[in-house]
Amino acid sequence: MTTVAVLAILVAAGEAGSPVTAAMTNAATEVVGSAGGVRVVEAGGLSDSEALRVERQLSTRVVVQLAWGDARHLRARLRLHAALTDRWVDRELTFAEADTPAERGRALGFAMASMLPEGDPSLALATSDEPRQEAPGPGPAPGSRVLDATFLAGAGLGGPAGGLGGRLAYERFVLPRASVDLALAGRLDRISNLDARELTSSFGLGAAYWVAAPTHADRVGVAIRGEALLIYESVAHADAAGATSWKGHALLGVDASVEGTLRVARTLELVLRGGAELAFGTVDVTVVAAPPASGTARLPASRALGGIGLRARF
């Protein structure tokens, strides 16, 4: 039983294993693709009738004869026949003595590529020197690196430390379903009973597991993310003299979130996330000022967070 191929190449007896033929076959395979297949057939004599016989025997769409015009293999003639259109196409190539067998074979393979559309225009094959690009499969979406810009909204559970702000992150996929990230985030809130402003900023180092990773075929992704945080709480208020005073306190913490992404362009995704931030400790803020701006407030350890933003892959 013969193997069905798109392209059959006829060479003279004893030439199937030559370096020129090997390079030529590799180049032709880049064009036709391994799924279609390229067959090399040795023939005792090259002729149109022999080419048509092989074409029928192998059920190929195209057959090409390679004939050398001299013993040094400096002049080559390619003769192509397409079964669907019954067209014949001829091409001649001349090589220099300095051209290596691999260079000659590769040139012959891509010369065949340029002849294929002439013989059969319905063959949708690449004809450049780049490998043929197959249809996208279920592999990861383009780009293993990601820039993420998100608008954040937060709420302290039992006090301030929420507010509005943003998050900027760099993420890199280390496995199809696993990524690591570095993130900077900040939120601005008010402590109403003290007439003070509170800024929560953080630096995070984390990782995510993608329950459903975005792929060429699937536009939707779902991830579970966790980060270790360095949090800095800053509070600005008016002191007794009326001047603005800033105070700050650093804390360690963690956050966890669930994220959903939707690819809206080849390298651009919309992201929605929701989760919680936990600081390892609370911060007591005391303001001494003219009433009613004086008093004490506690920044709680737990905060709820939500966000919406864009992710760009590259």
Protein backbone atom coordinates (compact mmCIF):
# COMPACT_ATOMS: atom_id res chain seq x y z
CA MET A 1 0.00 0.00 0.00
CA THR A 2 1.53 3.36 -1.07
CA THR A 3 1.69 6.46 1.09
CA VAL A 4 -0.37 9.40 -0.14
CA ALA A 5 1.79 12.51 -0.63
CA VAL A 6 1.26 15.99 -1.99
CA LEU A 7 4.60 16.11 -3.82
CA ALA A 8 6.67 13.36 -5.42
CA ILE A 9 10.22 14.13 -6.57
CA LEU A 10 11.77 11.92 -9.26
CA VAL A 11 15.56 11.61 -9.27
CA ALA A 12 17.93 9.40 -11.20
CA ALA A 13 18.82 5.98 -9.85
CA GLY A 14 21.34 6.20 -6.99
CA GLU A 15 20.64 9.87 -6.14
CA ALA A 16 17.96 9.49 -3.46
CA GLY A 17 20.55 9.39 -0.67
CA SER A 18 22.78 12.22 -1.91
CA PRO A 19 23.35 15.40 0.18
CA VAL A 20 21.75 17.49 -2.57
CA THR A 21 18.60 15.37 -2.52
CA ALA A 22 18.44 15.41 1.28
CA ALA A 23 18.65 19.22 1.42
CA MET A 24 16.17 19.53 -1.42
CA THR A 25 13.68 17.26 0.35
CA ASN A 26 14.00 19.17 3.63
CA ALA A 27 13.36 22.49 1.87
CA ALA A 28 10.36 21.08 -0.01
CA THR A 29 8.97 19.62 3.22
CA GLU A 30 9.09 23.08 4.84
CA VAL A 31 6.80 24.25 2.05
CA VAL A 32 4.43 21.30 1.80
CA GLY A 33 4.45 20.47 5.51
CA SER A 34 5.11 17.13 7.13
CA ALA A 35 1.36 16.40 7.28
CA GLY A 36 1.11 16.54 3.48
CA GLY A 37 4.27 14.64 2.81
CA VAL A 38 7.06 14.66 0.25
CA ARG A 39 8.20 11.45 -1.43
CA VAL A 40 11.51 10.93 -3.25
CA VAL A 41 11.40 8.25 -5.97
CA GLU A 42 14.36 6.90 -7.93
CA ALA A 43 13.66 6.27 -11.60
CA GLY A 44 15.70 4.24 -14.06
CA GLY A 45 14.95 6.85 -16.69
CA LEU A 46 13.39 10.30 -16.33
CA SER A 47 10.53 10.98 -18.71
CA ASP A 48 7.06 12.46 -18.80
CA SER A 49 5.48 9.04 -18.99
CA GLU A 50 7.43 7.87 -15.93
CA ALA A 51 6.40 11.02 -14.05
CA LEU A 52 2.73 10.42 -14.84
CA ARG A 53 3.02 6.77 -13.81
CA VAL A 54 4.45 7.73 -10.41
CA GLU A 55 1.81 10.45 -10.02
CA ARG A 56 -0.97 7.89 -10.51
CA GLN A 57 0.73 5.22 -8.37
CA LEU A 58 1.25 7.53 -5.37
CA SER A 59 -1.92 9.59 -5.91
CA THR A 60 0.15 12.78 -5.58
CA ARG A 61 -1.11 16.20 -6.59
CA VAL A 62 2.27 17.22 -8.02
CA VAL A 63 5.29 15.37 -9.40
CA VAL A 64 8.66 17.01 -10.17
CA GLN A 65 11.54 15.53 -12.18
CA LEU A 66 15.09 16.58 -11.35
CA ALA A 67 17.53 16.13 -14.21
CA TRP A 68 21.19 17.23 -14.20
CA GLY A 69 22.70 18.65 -17.37
CA ASP A 70 26.32 17.80 -16.50
CA ALA A 71 28.37 15.42 -14.38
CA ARG A 72 29.44 18.17 -11.96
CA HIS A 73 25.81 18.98 -11.09
CA LEU A 74 26.11 22.65 -12.01
CA ARG A 75 23.04 22.77 -14.28
CA ALA A 76 19.69 21.42 -13.13
CA ARG A 77 16.33 21.17 -14.86
CA LEU A 78 13.08 20.84 -12.95
CA ARG A 79 9.93 19.69 -14.76
CA LEU A 80 6.68 19.77 -12.79
CA HIS A 81 3.30 18.26 -13.55
CA ALA A 82 0.14 19.05 -11.57
CA ALA A 83 -2.52 16.34 -11.58
CA LEU A 84 -5.50 18.62 -10.97
CA THR A 85 -4.77 21.11 -13.77
CA ASP A 86 -2.72 18.83 -16.08
CA ARG A 87 -0.15 21.63 -16.40
CA TRP A 88 3.56 21.25 -17.06
CA VAL A 89 6.02 23.83 -15.66
CA ASP A 90 9.77 23.92 -16.40
CA ARG A 91 12.59 25.67 -14.57
CA GLU A 92 16.38 25.64 -15.02
CA LEU A 93 18.97 26.52 -12.39
CA THR A 94 22.71 27.09 -12.70
CA PHE A 95 25.12 26.71 -9.80
CA ALA A 96 28.69 27.81 -9.15
CA GLU A 97 31.53 25.46 -8.26
CA ALA A 98 31.67 27.06 -4.80
CA ASP A 99 28.03 26.18 -3.99
CA THR A 100 27.89 23.33 -1.49
CA PRO A 101 25.56 20.34 -2.00
CA ALA A 102 23.36 21.62 0.82
CA GLU A 103 23.08 25.05 -0.82
CA ARG A 104 22.23 23.51 -4.19
CA GLY A 105 19.62 21.21 -2.64
CA ARG A 106 17.98 24.02 -0.69
CA ALA A 107 17.83 26.21 -3.80
CA LEU A 108 16.21 23.36 -5.73
CA GLY A 109 13.65 22.77 -2.98
CA PHE A 110 12.54 26.39 -2.91
CA ALA A 111 12.56 26.57 -6.71
CA MET A 112 10.01 23.75 -6.60
CA ALA A 113 8.05 25.85 -4.09
CA SER A 114 7.86 28.73 -6.55
CA MET A 115 6.61 26.36 -9.27
CA LEU A 116 3.78 24.81 -7.25
CA PRO A 117 1.27 27.70 -7.57
CA GLU A 118 1.99 27.90 -11.31
CA GLY A 119 1.10 24.27 -11.74
CA ASP A 120 -1.86 24.22 -9.34
CA PRO A 121 -3.09 27.59 -7.95
CA SER A 122 -5.34 25.80 -5.46
CA LEU A 123 -2.30 24.64 -3.49
CA ALA A 124 -2.11 27.06 -0.53
CA LEU A 125 1.54 26.53 0.27
CA ALA A 126 4.23 28.86 1.62
CA THR A 127 6.91 29.70 -0.94
CA SER A 128 9.43 31.64 1.13
CA ASP A 129 12.48 30.32 2.89
CA GLU A 130 10.60 30.30 6.19
CA PRO A 131 9.14 27.08 7.61
CA ARG A 132 5.53 26.54 6.80
CA GLN A 133 3.18 27.87 9.48
CA GLU A 134 0.52 25.36 10.39
CA ALA A 135 -2.90 26.39 11.61
CA PRO A 136 -2.85 27.45 15.28
CA GLY A 137 -3.47 24.60 17.63
CA PRO A 138 -4.46 24.46 21.26
CA GLY A 139 -1.08 25.71 22.47
CA PRO A 140 -0.53 28.72 24.75
CA ALA A 141 -1.62 32.12 23.50
CA PRO A 142 1.12 34.29 21.96
CA GLY A 143 3.65 35.77 24.35
CA SER A 144 5.15 34.32 27.53
CA ARG A 145 5.64 37.78 29.09
CA VAL A 146 2.81 40.05 30.22
CA LEU A 147 2.40 43.65 31.33
CA ASP A 148 -0.69 44.10 33.49
CA ALA A 149 -2.27 47.49 34.33
CA THR A 150 -5.31 47.31 36.61
CA PHE A 151 -7.62 49.82 38.29
CA LEU A 152 -8.12 48.76 41.91
CA ALA A 153 -10.85 49.38 44.47
CA GLY A 154 -10.46 48.25 48.06
CA ALA A 155 -12.27 48.25 51.36
CA GLY A 156 -10.78 47.73 54.81
CA LEU A 157 -12.61 45.07 56.80
CA GLY A 158 -13.38 46.93 60.00
CA GLY A 159 -11.68 50.24 59.19
CA PRO A 160 -9.94 52.27 56.45
CA ALA A 161 -7.02 51.00 54.28
CA GLY A 162 -9.23 50.60 51.24
CA GLY A 163 -9.73 53.31 48.65
CA LEU A 164 -9.07 53.59 44.93
CA GLY A 165 -5.83 53.11 43.05
CA GLY A 166 -4.02 50.88 40.60
CA ARG A 167 -1.68 47.95 40.11
CA LEU A 168 1.14 47.58 37.57
CA ALA A 169 2.71 44.14 37.16
CA TYR A 170 5.20 42.25 35.06
CA GLU A 171 4.40 38.57 34.65
CA ARG A 172 6.27 35.72 32.97
CA PHE A 173 4.96 32.25 32.15
CA VAL A 174 7.42 29.57 33.25
CA LEU A 175 5.07 26.72 32.29
CA PRO A 176 1.91 26.68 30.15
CA ARG A 177 -0.19 26.84 33.34
CA ALA A 178 2.18 28.59 35.76
CA SER A 179 3.50 32.14 35.91
CA VAL A 180 5.46 34.37 38.28
CA ASP A 181 5.04 38.12 38.74
CA LEU A 182 6.38 41.34 40.23
CA ALA A 183 3.78 43.97 41.10
CA LEU A 184 3.55 47.54 42.39
CA ALA A 185 0.22 48.76 43.73
CA GLY A 186 -1.19 51.79 45.51
CA ARG A 187 -4.56 52.93 46.87
CA LEU A 188 -5.61 56.29 48.30
CA ASP A 189 -8.33 56.52 50.98
CA ARG A 190 -9.62 58.92 53.60
CA ILE A 191 -9.85 58.41 57.33
CA SER A 192 -13.01 60.42 57.79
CA ASN A 193 -13.03 60.73 61.58
CA LEU A 194 -9.50 62.19 61.56
CA ASP A 195 -9.82 64.27 58.37
CA ALA A 196 -6.70 62.46 57.13
CA ARG A 197 -5.56 60.85 53.89
CA GLU A 198 -4.18 57.34 53.88
CA LEU A 199 -2.01 55.80 51.12
CA THR A 200 -1.49 52.04 51.01
CA SER A 201 1.38 51.09 48.71
CA SER A 202 2.86 47.64 48.20
CA PHE A 203 5.49 45.66 46.36
CA GLY A 204 4.56 42.07 45.61
CA LEU A 205 6.32 38.92 44.45
CA GLY A 206 4.00 36.08 43.51
CA ALA A 207 2.91 33.22 41.33
CA ALA A 208 -0.27 32.07 39.61
CA TYR A 209 -1.72 28.74 38.62
CA TRP A 210 -3.89 28.93 35.50
CA VAL A 211 -6.87 26.63 35.86
CA ALA A 212 -7.73 27.56 32.28
CA ALA A 213 -4.86 29.12 30.38
CA PRO A 214 -5.64 31.32 27.35
CA THR A 215 -4.72 29.54 24.14
CA HIS A 216 -5.04 30.09 20.39
CA ALA A 217 -8.35 28.26 20.51
CA ASP A 218 -9.71 29.45 23.89
CA ARG A 219 -10.04 33.17 24.56
CA VAL A 220 -10.92 32.82 28.25
CA GLY A 221 -8.45 32.23 31.09
CA VAL A 222 -8.89 31.65 34.83
CA ALA A 223 -6.07 31.92 37.36
CA ILE A 224 -5.53 31.63 41.11
CA ARG A 225 -2.81 34.05 42.25
CA GLY A 226 -0.92 34.52 45.50
CA GLU A 227 1.71 37.13 46.41
CA ALA A 228 4.04 37.95 49.28
CA LEU A 229 3.83 41.68 50.01
CA LEU A 230 5.84 44.49 51.50
CA ILE A 231 3.20 47.05 52.51
CA TYR A 232 3.82 50.65 53.45
CA GLU A 233 1.04 52.59 55.12
CA SER A 234 1.35 56.38 54.87
CA VAL A 235 -1.01 58.86 56.57
CA ALA A 236 -1.17 62.61 55.93
CA HIS A 237 -3.02 64.97 58.30
CA ALA A 238 -2.96 68.53 59.53
CA ASP A 239 -1.07 68.95 62.80
CA ALA A 240 -1.83 71.39 65.60
CA ALA A 241 -0.03 74.19 63.75
CA GLY A 242 -2.08 73.56 60.59
CA ALA A 243 0.81 72.10 58.56
CA THR A 244 0.49 68.78 56.71
CA SER A 245 2.31 65.96 58.43
CA TRP A 246 3.10 62.51 56.99
CA LYS A 247 3.65 59.36 59.00
CA GLY A 248 4.49 55.90 57.70
CA HIS A 249 4.74 52.31 58.84
CA ALA A 250 5.96 49.19 56.98
CA LEU A 251 4.30 45.78 57.27
CA LEU A 252 4.68 42.38 55.68
CA GLY A 253 1.64 40.73 54.20
CA VAL A 254 0.13 38.45 51.57
CA ASP A 255 -2.69 38.61 49.08
CA ALA A 256 -4.73 36.08 47.16
CA SER A 257 -7.01 36.61 44.20
CA VAL A 258 -9.01 34.86 41.51
CA GLU A 259 -8.63 36.31 38.03
CA GLY A 260 -10.54 35.93 34.80
CA THR A 261 -9.16 37.04 31.44
CA LEU A 262 -10.77 37.51 28.04
CA ARG A 263 -8.59 37.91 24.95
CA VAL A 264 -9.92 40.88 22.95
CA ALA A 265 -7.02 41.00 20.45
CA ARG A 266 -4.13 38.72 19.53
CA THR A 267 -1.90 40.03 22.34
CA LEU A 268 -4.39 41.99 24.48
CA GLU A 269 -6.62 40.66 27.26
CA LEU A 270 -9.25 42.15 29.54
CA VAL A 271 -8.79 41.08 33.17
CA LEU A 272 -11.17 41.02 36.14
CA ARG A 273 -9.88 40.12 39.57
CA GLY A 274 -11.21 39.83 43.08
CA GLY A 275 -9.49 38.83 46.31
CA ALA A 276 -8.18 39.85 49.68
CA GLU A 277 -5.06 41.39 51.19
CA LEU A 278 -3.81 40.51 54.65
CA ALA A 279 -1.26 42.60 56.51
CA PHE A 280 0.68 40.96 59.33
CA GLY A 281 -0.44 43.49 61.90
CA THR A 282 -2.53 46.61 62.35
CA VAL A 283 -1.52 50.27 62.43
CA ASP A 284 -2.90 52.73 64.98
CA VAL A 285 -3.04 56.34 63.76
CA THR A 286 -3.29 59.10 66.38
CA VAL A 287 -3.80 62.71 65.37
CA VAL A 288 -3.36 65.60 67.79
CA ALA A 289 -5.08 68.61 66.28
CA ALA A 290 -7.92 70.98 66.84
CA PRO A 291 -11.23 69.13 67.21
CA PRO A 292 -12.84 67.40 65.42
CA ALA A 293 -9.70 66.34 63.54
CA SER A 294 -8.04 64.78 66.58
CA GLY A 295 -8.43 61.20 67.67
CA THR A 296 -7.27 57.65 66.90
CA ALA A 297 -8.09 55.23 64.08
CA ARG A 298 -6.88 51.70 63.41
CA LEU A 299 -5.91 50.47 59.94
CA PRO A 300 -7.16 46.87 59.88
CA ALA A 301 -5.12 43.86 58.79
CA SER A 302 -7.71 42.51 56.32
CA ARG A 303 -8.81 44.29 53.14
CA ALA A 304 -11.05 43.21 50.26
CA LEU A 305 -9.86 44.08 46.74
CA GLY A 306 -11.33 44.10 43.25
CA GLY A 307 -10.04 45.34 39.93
CA ILE A 308 -10.44 45.62 36.18
CA GLY A 309 -7.68 46.22 33.66
CA LEU A 310 -5.76 45.17 30.58
CA ARG A 311 -2.97 42.67 30.01
CA ALA A 312 -0.58 42.96 27.06
CA ARG A 313 1.45 39.90 25.97
CA PHE A 314 4.81 40.13 24.23
